[in-house]
C-alpha atoms as a PDB file:
ATOM      1  CA  MET A   1       0.000   0.000   0.000  1.00  0.00           C
ATOM      2  CA  ILE A   2       1.097   3.542  -0.703  1.00  0.00           C
ATOM      3  CA  ASP A   3       1.474   5.781   2.337  1.00  0.00           C
ATOM      4  CA  PHE A   4      -1.153   8.515   2.404  1.00  0.00           C
ATOM      5  CA  LYS A   5       1.543  11.132   3.037  1.00  0.00           C
ATOM      6  CA  THR A   6       3.373  10.011  -0.107  1.00  0.00           C
ATOM      7  CA  PHE A   7       0.141   9.949  -2.108  1.00  0.00           C
ATOM      8  CA  ALA A   8      -0.799  13.423  -0.875  1.00  0.00           C
ATOM      9  CA  HIS A   9       2.679  14.661  -1.803  1.00  0.00           C
ATOM     10  CA  LEU A  10       2.379  13.238  -5.323  1.00  0.00           C
ATOM     11  CA  ALA A  11      -1.163  14.584  -5.634  1.00  0.00           C
ATOM     12  CA  GLN A  12       0.039  18.019  -4.536  1.00  0.00           C
ATOM     13  CA  ILE A  13       2.696  17.998  -7.267  1.00  0.00           C
ATOM     14  CA  ASP A  14       0.132  16.774  -9.820  1.00  0.00           C
ATOM     15  CA  LEU A  15      -2.233  19.612  -8.944  1.00  0.00           C
ATOM     16  CA  GLY A  16       0.585  22.104  -8.807  1.00  0.00           C
ATOM     17  CA  GLU A  17      -1.253  23.959  -6.044  1.00  0.00           C
ATOM     18  CA  PRO A  18      -0.945  23.761  -2.231  1.00  0.00           C
ATOM     19  CA  GLN A  19      -4.078  21.829  -1.255  1.00  0.00           C
ATOM     20  CA  PRO A  20      -5.082  21.211   2.388  1.00  0.00           C
ATOM     21  CA  LYS A  21      -4.426  17.574   3.265  1.00  0.00           C
ATOM     22  CA  PRO A  22      -7.619  15.755   4.331  1.00  0.00           C
ATOM     23  CA  THR A  23      -6.708  14.628   7.851  1.00  0.00           C
ATOM     24  CA  SER A  24      -9.909  12.558   7.967  1.00  0.00           C
ATOM     25  CA  VAL A  25      -8.527  10.259   5.268  1.00  0.00           C
ATOM     26  CA  GLU A  26      -5.076  10.139   6.842  1.00  0.00           C
ATOM     27  CA  GLY A  27      -6.530   8.745  10.069  1.00  0.00           C
END
């Protein structure tokens, strides 16, 4: 499984914009 932090980091780069990380999903 891919760590959520890593996924969020990749997603942030894909979007190219600083998006607030959904802590609800991280839990």
